[in-house]
PDB file of N, CA and C in Angstrom:
ATOM      1  N   MET A   1     -12.013  15.219  16.386  1.00  0.00           N
ATOM      2  CA  MET A   1     -12.545  13.993  15.836  1.00  0.00           C
ATOM      3  C   MET A   1     -11.450  12.926  15.859  1.00  0.00           C
ATOM      4  N   GLU A   2     -11.741  11.804  16.427  1.00  0.00           N
ATOM      5  CA  GLU A   2     -10.785  10.711  16.533  1.00  0.00           C
ATOM      6  C   GLU A   2     -10.965   9.744  15.367  1.00  0.00           C
ATOM      7  N   SER A   3      -9.844   9.293  14.821  1.00  0.00           N
ATOM      8  CA  SER A   3      -9.886   8.347  13.692  1.00  0.00           C
ATOM      9  C   SER A   3      -9.129   7.088  14.050  1.00  0.00           C
ATOM     10  N   THR A   4      -9.600   5.984  13.503  1.00  0.00           N
ATOM     11  CA  THR A   4      -8.914   4.707  13.662  1.00  0.00           C
ATOM     12  C   THR A   4      -8.615   4.162  12.278  1.00  0.00           C
ATOM     13  N   TYR A   5      -7.368   3.778  12.087  1.00  0.00           N
ATOM     14  CA  TYR A   5      -6.962   3.209  10.805  1.00  0.00           C
ATOM     15  C   TYR A   5      -6.587   1.758  11.013  1.00  0.00           C
ATOM     16  N   ARG A   6      -7.001   0.924  10.068  1.00  0.00           N
ATOM     17  CA  ARG A   6      -6.702  -0.510  10.140  1.00  0.00           C
ATOM     18  C   ARG A   6      -6.336  -1.023   8.765  1.00  0.00           C
ATOM     19  N   VAL A   7      -5.376  -1.921   8.748  1.00  0.00           N
ATOM     20  CA  VAL A   7      -4.986  -2.579   7.514  1.00  0.00           C
ATOM     21  C   VAL A   7      -6.164  -3.425   7.042  1.00  0.00           C
ATOM     22  N   ASP A   8      -6.458  -3.371   5.750  1.00  0.00           N
ATOM     23  CA  ASP A   8      -7.570  -4.171   5.227  1.00  0.00           C
ATOM     24  C   ASP A   8      -7.262  -5.664   5.349  1.00  0.00           C
ATOM     25  N   TYR A   9      -6.102  -6.076   4.830  1.00  0.00           N
ATOM     26  CA  TYR A   9      -5.710  -7.489   4.910  1.00  0.00           C
ATOM     27  C   TYR A   9      -4.205  -7.589   5.146  1.00  0.00           C
ATOM     28  N   LEU A  10      -3.836  -8.556   5.950  1.00  0.00           N
ATOM     29  CA  LEU A  10      -2.430  -8.892   6.151  1.00  0.00           C
ATOM     30  C   LEU A  10      -2.288 -10.359   5.770  1.00  0.00           C
ATOM     31  N   CYS A  11      -1.584 -10.616   4.674  1.00  0.00           N
ATOM     32  CA  CYS A  11      -1.448 -11.971   4.140  1.00  0.00           C
ATOM     33  C   CYS A  11      -0.075 -12.543   4.462  1.00  0.00           C
ATOM     34  N   LYS A  12      -0.053 -13.775   4.910  1.00  0.00           N
ATOM     35  CA  LYS A  12       1.187 -14.497   5.199  1.00  0.00           C
ATOM     36  C   LYS A  12       2.121 -13.695   6.100  1.00  0.00           C
ATOM     37  N   ASP A  13       1.546 -12.841   6.946  1.00  0.00           N
ATOM     38  CA  ASP A  13       2.279 -12.025   7.918  1.00  0.00           C
ATOM     39  C   ASP A  13       3.327 -11.128   7.278  1.00  0.00           C
ATOM     40  N   ASN A  14       3.231 -10.884   5.966  1.00  0.00           N
ATOM     41  CA  ASN A  14       4.240 -10.051   5.326  1.00  0.00           C
ATOM     42  C   ASN A  14       3.696  -9.151   4.221  1.00  0.00           C
ATOM     43  N   ILE A  15       2.480  -9.401   3.758  1.00  0.00           N
ATOM     44  CA  ILE A  15       1.926  -8.645   2.635  1.00  0.00           C
ATOM     45  C   ILE A  15       0.701  -7.870   3.108  1.00  0.00           C
ATOM     46  N   ILE A  16       0.764  -6.538   2.952  1.00  0.00           N
ATOM     47  CA  ILE A  16      -0.378  -5.694   3.290  1.00  0.00           C
ATOM     48  C   ILE A  16      -1.191  -5.484   2.019  1.00  0.00           C
ATOM     49  N   VAL A  17      -2.489  -5.733   2.087  1.00  0.00           N
ATOM     50  CA  VAL A  17      -3.380  -5.504   0.956  1.00  0.00           C
ATOM     51  C   VAL A  17      -4.363  -4.422   1.367  1.00  0.00           C
ATOM     52  N   GLU A  18      -4.339  -3.319   0.647  1.00  0.00           N
ATOM     53  CA  GLU A  18      -5.227  -2.193   0.911  1.00  0.00           C
ATOM     54  C   GLU A  18      -6.220  -2.100  -0.240  1.00  0.00           C
ATOM     55  N   CYS A  19      -7.512  -2.189   0.057  1.00  0.00           N
ATOM     56  CA  CYS A  19      -8.566  -2.200  -0.958  1.00  0.00           C
ATOM     57  C   CYS A  19      -9.289  -0.862  -0.993  1.00  0.00           C
ATOM     58  N   LYS A  20      -9.535  -0.385  -2.192  1.00  0.00           N
ATOM     59  CA  LYS A  20     -10.255   0.868  -2.402  1.00  0.00           C
ATOM     60  C   LYS A  20     -11.342   0.640  -3.442  1.00  0.00           C
ATOM     61  N   ALA A  21     -12.326   1.530  -3.430  1.00  0.00           N
ATOM     62  CA  ALA A  21     -13.375   1.548  -4.449  1.00  0.00           C
ATOM     63  C   ALA A  21     -13.622   3.008  -4.791  1.00  0.00           C
ATOM     64  N   VAL A  22     -12.683   3.591  -5.533  1.00  0.00           N
ATOM     65  CA  VAL A  22     -12.731   5.006  -5.884  1.00  0.00           C
ATOM     66  C   VAL A  22     -12.566   5.152  -7.393  1.00  0.00           C
ATOM     67  N   ASP A  23     -12.997   6.295  -7.937  1.00  0.00           N
ATOM     68  CA  ASP A  23     -12.849   6.521  -9.376  1.00  0.00           C
ATOM     69  C   ASP A  23     -11.388   6.520  -9.792  1.00  0.00           C
ATOM     70  N   THR A  24     -10.550   7.175  -9.007  1.00  0.00           N
ATOM     71  CA  THR A  24      -9.132   7.290  -9.314  1.00  0.00           C
ATOM     72  C   THR A  24      -8.320   7.175  -8.034  1.00  0.00           C
ATOM     73  N   LEU A  25      -7.277   6.371  -8.067  1.00  0.00           N
ATOM     74  CA  LEU A  25      -6.388   6.307  -6.911  1.00  0.00           C
ATOM     75  C   LEU A  25      -5.637   7.621  -6.798  1.00  0.00           C
ATOM     76  N   MET A  26      -5.586   8.161  -5.587  1.00  0.00           N
ATOM     77  CA  MET A  26      -4.934   9.437  -5.324  1.00  0.00           C
ATOM     78  C   MET A  26      -3.678   9.192  -4.494  1.00  0.00           C
ATOM     79  N   PRO A  27      -2.786  10.171  -4.446  1.00  0.00           N
ATOM     80  CA  PRO A  27      -1.580  10.030  -3.628  1.00  0.00           C
ATOM     81  C   PRO A  27      -1.869   9.690  -2.162  1.00  0.00           C
ATOM     82  N   ILE A  28      -2.965  10.165  -1.620  1.00  0.00           N
ATOM     83  CA  ILE A  28      -3.298   9.860  -0.218  1.00  0.00           C
ATOM     84  C   ILE A  28      -3.568   8.376  -0.018  1.00  0.00           C
ATOM     85  N   HIS A  29      -4.112   7.693  -1.025  1.00  0.00           N
ATOM     86  CA  HIS A  29      -4.357   6.254  -0.927  1.00  0.00           C
ATOM     87  C   HIS A  29      -3.031   5.488  -0.870  1.00  0.00           C
ATOM     88  N   ARG A  30      -2.089   5.923  -1.707  1.00  0.00           N
ATOM     89  CA  ARG A  30      -0.767   5.294  -1.693  1.00  0.00           C
ATOM     90  C   ARG A  30      -0.038   5.589  -0.388  1.00  0.00           C
ATOM     91  N   SER A  31      -0.147   6.831   0.082  1.00  0.00           N
ATOM     92  CA  SER A  31       0.507   7.210   1.346  1.00  0.00           C
ATOM     93  C   SER A  31       0.000   6.373   2.505  1.00  0.00           C
ATOM     94  N   GLN A  32      -1.286   6.081   2.518  1.00  0.00           N
ATOM     95  CA  GLN A  32      -1.851   5.244   3.575  1.00  0.00           C
ATOM     96  C   GLN A  32      -1.185   3.866   3.566  1.00  0.00           C
ATOM     97  N   LEU A  33      -1.058   3.258   2.390  1.00  0.00           N
ATOM     98  CA  LEU A  33      -0.391   1.960   2.267  1.00  0.00           C
ATOM     99  C   LEU A  33       1.066   2.056   2.700  1.00  0.00           C
ATOM    100  N   PHE A  34       1.769   3.091   2.236  1.00  0.00           N
ATOM    101  CA  PHE A  34       3.189   3.250   2.580  1.00  0.00           C
ATOM    102  C   PHE A  34       3.377   3.415   4.085  1.00  0.00           C
ATOM    103  N   ASN A  35       2.490   4.158   4.723  1.00  0.00           N
ATOM    104  CA  ASN A  35       2.577   4.333   6.183  1.00  0.00           C
ATOM    105  C   ASN A  35       2.380   3.008   6.908  1.00  0.00           C
ATOM    106  N   TYR A  36       1.427   2.212   6.463  1.00  0.00           N
ATOM    107  CA  TYR A  36       1.229   0.886   7.065  1.00  0.00           C
ATOM    108  C   TYR A  36       2.485   0.037   6.899  1.00  0.00           C
ATOM    109  N   MET A  37       3.072   0.068   5.705  1.00  0.00           N
ATOM    110  CA  MET A  37       4.262  -0.741   5.441  1.00  0.00           C
ATOM    111  C   MET A  37       5.410  -0.330   6.362  1.00  0.00           C
ATOM    112  N   ARG A  38       5.589   0.970   6.533  1.00  0.00           N
ATOM    113  CA  ARG A  38       6.670   1.462   7.398  1.00  0.00           C
ATOM    114  C   ARG A  38       6.412   1.145   8.868  1.00  0.00           C
ATOM    115  N   LEU A  39       5.209   1.444   9.323  1.00  0.00           N
ATOM    116  CA  LEU A  39       4.886   1.236  10.742  1.00  0.00           C
ATOM    117  C   LEU A  39       4.940  -0.230  11.147  1.00  0.00           C
ATOM    118  N   LEU A  40       4.445  -1.102  10.269  1.00  0.00           N
ATOM    119  CA  LEU A  40       4.396  -2.530  10.577  1.00  0.00           C
ATOM    120  C   LEU A  40       5.641  -3.279  10.086  1.00  0.00           C
ATOM    121  N   LYS A  41       6.524  -2.553   9.362  1.00  0.00           N
ATOM    122  CA  LYS A  41       7.756  -3.146   8.825  1.00  0.00           C
ATOM    123  C   LYS A  41       7.469  -4.386   7.963  1.00  0.00           C
ATOM    124  N   LYS A  42       6.515  -4.222   7.063  1.00  0.00           N
ATOM    125  CA  LYS A  42       6.154  -5.293   6.126  1.00  0.00           C
ATOM    126  C   LYS A  42       6.748  -4.977   4.759  1.00  0.00           C
ATOM    127  N   SER A  43       7.342  -5.957   4.125  1.00  0.00           N
ATOM    128  CA  SER A  43       8.122  -5.712   2.915  1.00  0.00           C
ATOM    129  C   SER A  43       7.316  -5.603   1.627  1.00  0.00           C
ATOM    130  N   CYS A  44       6.069  -5.995   1.633  1.00  0.00           N
ATOM    131  CA  CYS A  44       5.282  -5.979   0.397  1.00  0.00           C
ATOM    132  C   CYS A  44       3.914  -5.349   0.657  1.00  0.00           C
ATOM    133  N   GLY A  45       3.511  -4.460  -0.261  1.00  0.00           N
ATOM    134  CA  GLY A  45       2.199  -3.831  -0.155  1.00  0.00           C
ATOM    135  C   GLY A  45       1.495  -3.873  -1.496  1.00  0.00           C
ATOM    136  N   VAL A  46       0.203  -4.138  -1.457  1.00  0.00           N
ATOM    137  CA  VAL A  46      -0.602  -4.208  -2.676  1.00  0.00           C
ATOM    138  C   VAL A  46      -1.794  -3.270  -2.498  1.00  0.00           C
ATOM    139  N   LEU A  47      -1.966  -2.383  -3.462  1.00  0.00           N
ATOM    140  CA  LEU A  47      -3.093  -1.450  -3.456  1.00  0.00           C
ATOM    141  C   LEU A  47      -4.028  -1.864  -4.582  1.00  0.00           C
ATOM    142  N   VAL A  48      -5.283  -2.145  -4.245  1.00  0.00           N
ATOM    143  CA  VAL A  48      -6.248  -2.634  -5.236  1.00  0.00           C
ATOM    144  C   VAL A  48      -7.420  -1.668  -5.295  1.00  0.00           C
ATOM    145  N   ASN A  49      -7.755  -1.212  -6.511  1.00  0.00           N
ATOM    146  CA  ASN A  49      -8.926  -0.370  -6.712  1.00  0.00           C
ATOM    147  C   ASN A  49      -9.953  -1.169  -7.510  1.00  0.00           C
ATOM    148  N   PHE A  50     -11.124  -1.364  -6.926  1.00  0.00           N
ATOM    149  CA  PHE A  50     -12.153  -2.207  -7.536  1.00  0.00           C
ATOM    150  C   PHE A  50     -13.161  -1.445  -8.384  1.00  0.00           C
ATOM    151  N   THR A  51     -13.043  -0.125  -8.491  1.00  0.00           N
ATOM    152  CA  THR A  51     -14.034   0.640  -9.241  1.00  0.00           C
ATOM    153  C   THR A  51     -13.893   0.558 -10.754  1.00  0.00           C
ATOM    154  N   PRO A  52     -12.673   0.578 -11.310  1.00  0.00           N
ATOM    155  CA  PRO A  52     -12.599   0.459 -12.776  1.00  0.00           C
ATOM    156  C   PRO A  52     -13.200  -0.861 -13.262  1.00  0.00           C
ATOM    157  N   ARG A  53     -13.399  -0.970 -14.574  1.00  0.00           N
ATOM    158  CA  ARG A  53     -13.956  -2.214 -15.132  1.00  0.00           C
ATOM    159  C   ARG A  53     -13.160  -3.416 -14.710  1.00  0.00           C
ATOM    160  N   LYS A  54     -11.851  -3.290 -14.811  1.00  0.00           N
ATOM    161  CA  LYS A  54     -10.955  -4.340 -14.328  1.00  0.00           C
ATOM    162  C   LYS A  54     -10.290  -3.791 -13.077  1.00  0.00           C
ATOM    163  N   ALA A  55     -10.096  -4.621 -12.101  1.00  0.00           N
ATOM    164  CA  ALA A  55      -9.442  -4.165 -10.877  1.00  0.00           C
ATOM    165  C   ALA A  55      -8.040  -3.665 -11.213  1.00  0.00           C
ATOM    166  N   LEU A  56      -7.699  -2.510 -10.679  1.00  0.00           N
ATOM    167  CA  LEU A  56      -6.368  -1.938 -10.854  1.00  0.00           C
ATOM    168  C   LEU A  56      -5.526  -2.350  -9.651  1.00  0.00           C
ATOM    169  N   VAL A  57      -4.370  -2.948  -9.905  1.00  0.00           N
ATOM    170  CA  VAL A  57      -3.513  -3.452  -8.831  1.00  0.00           C
ATOM    171  C   VAL A  57      -2.139  -2.800  -8.949  1.00  0.00           C
ATOM    172  N   GLU A  58      -1.678  -2.232  -7.831  1.00  0.00           N
ATOM    173  CA  GLU A  58      -0.339  -1.659  -7.761  1.00  0.00           C
ATOM    174  C   GLU A  58       0.424  -2.375  -6.657  1.00  0.00           C
ATOM    175  N   ARG A  59       1.692  -2.740  -6.933  1.00  0.00           N
ATOM    176  CA  ARG A  59       2.520  -3.427  -5.937  1.00  0.00           C
ATOM    177  C   ARG A  59       3.709  -2.563  -5.565  1.00  0.00           C
ATOM    178  N   TYR A  60       4.037  -2.600  -4.283  1.00  0.00           N
ATOM    179  CA  TYR A  60       5.158  -1.824  -3.764  1.00  0.00           C
ATOM    180  C   TYR A  60       5.952  -2.675  -2.784  1.00  0.00           C
ATOM    181  N   PHE A  61       7.223  -2.303  -2.621  1.00  0.00           N
ATOM    182  CA  PHE A  61       8.105  -3.019  -1.694  1.00  0.00           C
ATOM    183  C   PHE A  61       8.751  -2.031  -0.737  1.00  0.00           C
ATOM    184  N   TYR A  62       8.939  -2.451   0.490  1.00  0.00           N
ATOM    185  CA  TYR A  62       9.534  -1.614   1.522  1.00  0.00           C
ATOM    186  C   TYR A  62      10.859  -2.221   1.971  1.00  0.00           C
ATOM    187  N   ASP A  63      11.905  -1.382   1.992  1.00  0.00           N
ATOM    188  CA  ASP A  63      13.222  -1.799   2.467  1.00  0.00           C
ATOM    189  C   ASP A  63      13.438  -1.184   3.836  1.00  0.00           C
ATOM    190  N   ASP A  64      13.466  -2.020   4.858  1.00  0.00           N
ATOM    191  CA  ASP A  64      13.586  -1.553   6.234  1.00  0.00           C
ATOM    192  C   ASP A  64      14.925  -0.877   6.502  1.00  0.00           C
ATOM    193  N   GLU A  65      15.977  -1.296   5.809  1.00  0.00           N
ATOM    194  CA  GLU A  65      17.303  -0.710   6.027  1.00  0.00           C
ATOM    195  C   GLU A  65      17.357   0.745   5.548  1.00  0.00           C
ATOM    196  N   THR A  66      16.823   1.007   4.368  1.00  0.00           N
ATOM    197  CA  THR A  66      16.839   2.371   3.830  1.00  0.00           C
ATOM    198  C   THR A  66      15.568   3.138   4.186  1.00  0.00           C
ATOM    199  N   MET A  67      14.576   2.436   4.730  1.00  0.00           N
ATOM    200  CA  MET A  67      13.272   3.004   5.068  1.00  0.00           C
ATOM    201  C   MET A  67      12.618   3.644   3.840  1.00  0.00           C
ATOM    202  N   SER A  68      12.768   2.985   2.687  1.00  0.00           N
ATOM    203  CA  SER A  68      12.235   3.484   1.426  1.00  0.00           C
ATOM    204  C   SER A  68      11.226   2.516   0.849  1.00  0.00           C
ATOM    205  N   VAL A  69      10.277   3.071   0.105  1.00  0.00           N
ATOM    206  CA  VAL A  69       9.288   2.276  -0.618  1.00  0.00           C
ATOM    207  C   VAL A  69       9.662   2.325  -2.090  1.00  0.00           C
ATOM    208  N   TYR A  70       9.585   1.161  -2.756  1.00  0.00           N
ATOM    209  CA  TYR A  70       9.956   1.028  -4.163  1.00  0.00           C
ATOM    210  C   TYR A  70       8.794   0.470  -4.967  1.00  0.00           C
ATOM    211  N   THR A  71       8.751   0.853  -6.250  1.00  0.00           N
ATOM    212  CA  THR A  71       7.811   0.231  -7.177  1.00  0.00           C
ATOM    213  C   THR A  71       8.406  -1.105  -7.602  1.00  0.00           C
ATOM    214  N   VAL A  72       7.641  -1.889  -8.334  1.00  0.00           N
ATOM    215  CA  VAL A  72       8.167  -3.162  -8.833  1.00  0.00           C
ATOM    216  C   VAL A  72       9.285  -2.946  -9.838  1.00  0.00           C
ATOM    217  N   ASP A  73       9.379  -1.740 -10.389  1.00  0.00           N
ATOM    218  CA  ASP A  73      10.441  -1.389 -11.339  1.00  0.00           C
ATOM    219  C   ASP A  73      11.699  -0.881 -10.631  1.00  0.00           C
ATOM    220  N   GLY A  74      11.672  -0.808  -9.305  1.00  0.00           N
ATOM    221  CA  GLY A  74      12.826  -0.353  -8.546  1.00  0.00           C
ATOM    222  C   GLY A  74      12.916   1.150  -8.364  1.00  0.00           C
ATOM    223  N   ILE A  75      11.867   1.888  -8.701  1.00  0.00           N
ATOM    224  CA  ILE A  75      11.854   3.337  -8.541  1.00  0.00           C
ATOM    225  C   ILE A  75      11.510   3.673  -7.100  1.00  0.00           C
ATOM    226  N   VAL A  76      12.305   4.535  -6.478  1.00  0.00           N
ATOM    227  CA  VAL A  76      12.072   4.937  -5.086  1.00  0.00           C
ATOM    228  C   VAL A  76      10.893   5.902  -5.020  1.00  0.00           C
ATOM    229  N   ILE A  77       9.942   5.605  -4.126  1.00  0.00           N
ATOM    230  CA  ILE A  77       8.780   6.471  -3.945  1.00  0.00           C
ATOM    231  C   ILE A  77       9.074   7.505  -2.866  1.00  0.00           C
ATOM    232  N   LYS A  78       9.480   7.041  -1.687  1.00  0.00           N
ATOM    233  CA  LYS A  78       9.796   7.940  -0.559  1.00  0.00           C
ATOM    234  C   LYS A  78      10.921   7.349   0.212  1.00  0.00           C
TER     235      LYS A  78
END
């Protein structure tokens, strides 16, 4: 089975926005965003889940030099 993956939105040529509508964000949803950030070398990623009453928004940053993804608090993800 062949799959095609596409970034939901690319804003200002630097911010990847990945939209979901799931009960709970899972690690695979974050991994998808992180992979896009690494492959496209984009420094900012936003994961939005529209299913809760209020939209849940998570922001991440990618450092191309260390090839690491960070939370807004500076915690290294991978």
